[in-house]
């Protein structure tokens, strides 16, 4: 599997493969026609409650956030499997507006897809 994480604000590149937005909210300052998306996986994003809870204290809540988000994803097994199937056949890039993609839901999602 070839899965990358990239900020949606970064320049699109042919090496991105399929570009999938994994944020629940549309990123500020990006026009839909400029995003060059192949999909928007809203079903695989953290719930609003979890997202808001996590953003209150990202550093302290990272470990628990990973567990809670993984539990939420377990309920979205079909959507998760569809994205995993795509990742097995094509290169994909998970796009997020998160400033720290390494401590974001995109990182958790990437690791779950690779399992």
Protein backbone atom coordinates (compact mmCIF):
# COMPACT_ATOMS: atom_id res chain seq x y z
CA UNK A 1 0.00 0.00 0.00
CA UNK A 2 1.15 3.47 -0.83
CA UNK A 3 -0.69 5.95 1.39
CA UNK A 4 0.50 9.50 2.03
CA UNK A 5 -0.88 12.31 4.15
CA UNK A 6 -0.74 15.84 2.85
CA UNK A 7 -2.21 19.18 3.77
CA UNK A 8 -4.86 20.24 1.31
CA UNK A 9 -3.14 23.63 1.12
CA UNK A 10 -0.04 22.02 -0.41
CA UNK A 11 0.34 21.92 -4.17
CA UNK A 12 -1.28 18.95 -5.91
CA UNK A 13 1.22 16.63 -7.53
CA UNK A 14 0.94 13.77 -10.02
CA UNK A 15 2.66 11.57 -7.41
CA UNK A 16 -0.35 12.03 -5.09
CA UNK A 17 -2.37 9.38 -6.87
CA UNK A 18 -6.02 9.50 -5.80
CA UNK A 19 -6.59 12.57 -3.62
CA UNK A 20 -9.13 11.96 -0.84
CA UNK A 21 -10.23 14.69 1.55
CA UNK A 22 -10.64 13.23 5.04
CA UNK A 23 -11.96 16.31 6.87
CA UNK A 24 -15.59 16.69 7.91
CA UNK A 25 -15.59 20.43 7.22
CA UNK A 26 -14.56 22.00 3.93
CA UNK A 27 -11.13 23.67 4.39
CA UNK A 28 -11.12 27.45 4.52
CA UNK A 29 -9.73 29.32 1.57
CA UNK A 30 -9.89 26.40 -0.87
CA UNK A 31 -12.22 26.52 -3.85
CA UNK A 32 -13.78 23.17 -4.66
CA UNK A 33 -12.72 23.42 -8.29
CA UNK A 34 -9.10 24.05 -7.20
CA UNK A 35 -8.88 21.15 -4.73
CA UNK A 36 -8.36 18.47 -7.42
CA UNK A 37 -10.13 15.83 -5.33
CA UNK A 38 -11.00 12.31 -6.30
CA UNK A 39 -13.19 11.85 -3.24
CA UNK A 40 -14.35 13.23 0.08
CA UNK A 41 -14.57 10.58 2.81
CA UNK A 42 -16.90 12.39 5.24
CA UNK A 43 -18.07 9.08 6.71
CA UNK A 44 -14.52 8.36 7.91
CA UNK A 45 -14.00 11.63 9.78
CA UNK A 46 -14.23 12.02 13.56
CA UNK A 47 -17.64 12.95 14.92
CA UNK A 48 -18.16 16.63 15.68
CA UNK A 49 -18.18 15.82 19.40
CA UNK A 50 -14.87 13.97 19.24
CA UNK A 51 -13.28 16.60 17.01
CA UNK A 52 -14.27 19.45 19.33
CA UNK A 53 -13.19 17.52 22.45
CA UNK A 54 -9.78 16.75 20.92
CA UNK A 55 -9.10 20.31 19.80
CA UNK A 56 -9.54 21.61 23.35
CA UNK A 57 -6.18 20.04 24.31
CA UNK A 58 -4.45 18.29 21.43
CA UNK A 59 -1.23 17.43 23.27
CA UNK A 60 -2.87 15.93 26.35
CA UNK A 61 -5.67 14.12 24.53
CA UNK A 62 -3.76 12.59 21.60
CA UNK A 63 -3.50 9.09 23.04
CA UNK A 64 -7.15 8.86 24.06
CA UNK A 65 -8.25 10.52 20.80
CA UNK A 66 -6.59 7.73 18.79
CA UNK A 67 -8.51 5.07 20.72
CA UNK A 68 -11.84 6.89 20.53
CA UNK A 69 -11.47 7.63 16.83
CA UNK A 70 -10.52 4.02 16.06
CA UNK A 71 -13.70 2.94 17.87
CA UNK A 72 -15.75 5.35 15.76
CA UNK A 73 -14.13 3.99 12.60
CA UNK A 74 -15.04 0.45 13.59
CA UNK A 75 -18.68 1.47 13.17
CA UNK A 76 -17.90 2.63 9.62
CA UNK A 77 -16.45 -0.69 8.54
CA UNK A 78 -17.91 -0.64 5.02
CA UNK A 79 -16.57 2.84 4.17
CA UNK A 80 -13.22 1.96 5.75
CA UNK A 81 -13.01 -1.24 3.71
CA UNK A 82 -13.83 0.62 0.48
CA UNK A 83 -10.98 3.05 1.10
CA UNK A 84 -8.66 0.17 2.07
CA UNK A 85 -9.55 -1.62 -1.19
CA UNK A 86 -8.76 1.54 -3.16
CA UNK A 87 -5.43 1.89 -1.33
CA UNK A 88 -4.52 -1.69 -2.23
CA UNK A 89 -4.98 -1.05 -5.92
CA UNK A 90 -3.83 2.58 -6.25
CA UNK A 91 -1.63 5.17 -4.62
CA UNK A 92 -3.72 7.48 -2.43
CA UNK A 93 -3.13 10.71 -0.58
CA UNK A 94 -5.24 11.57 2.44
CA UNK A 95 -5.81 15.31 2.49
CA UNK A 96 -6.44 17.32 5.63
CA UNK A 97 -6.43 20.96 6.69
CA UNK A 98 -4.86 20.01 10.04
CA UNK A 99 -1.73 22.02 10.81
CA UNK A 100 -0.03 18.99 12.36
CA UNK A 101 -0.97 16.08 10.12
CA UNK A 102 1.17 13.74 12.26
CA UNK A 103 -1.16 14.27 15.23
CA UNK A 104 -4.40 14.30 13.34
CA UNK A 105 -7.18 11.91 12.50
CA UNK A 106 -5.55 11.46 9.06
CA UNK A 107 -2.57 9.77 10.73
CA UNK A 108 -4.84 7.41 12.70
CA UNK A 109 -6.84 6.64 9.56
CA UNK A 110 -3.68 5.94 7.57
CA UNK A 111 -2.42 3.45 10.16
CA UNK A 112 -5.78 1.67 10.29
CA UNK A 113 -5.89 1.40 6.50
CA UNK A 114 -2.41 -0.12 6.47
CA UNK A 115 -3.35 -2.88 8.96
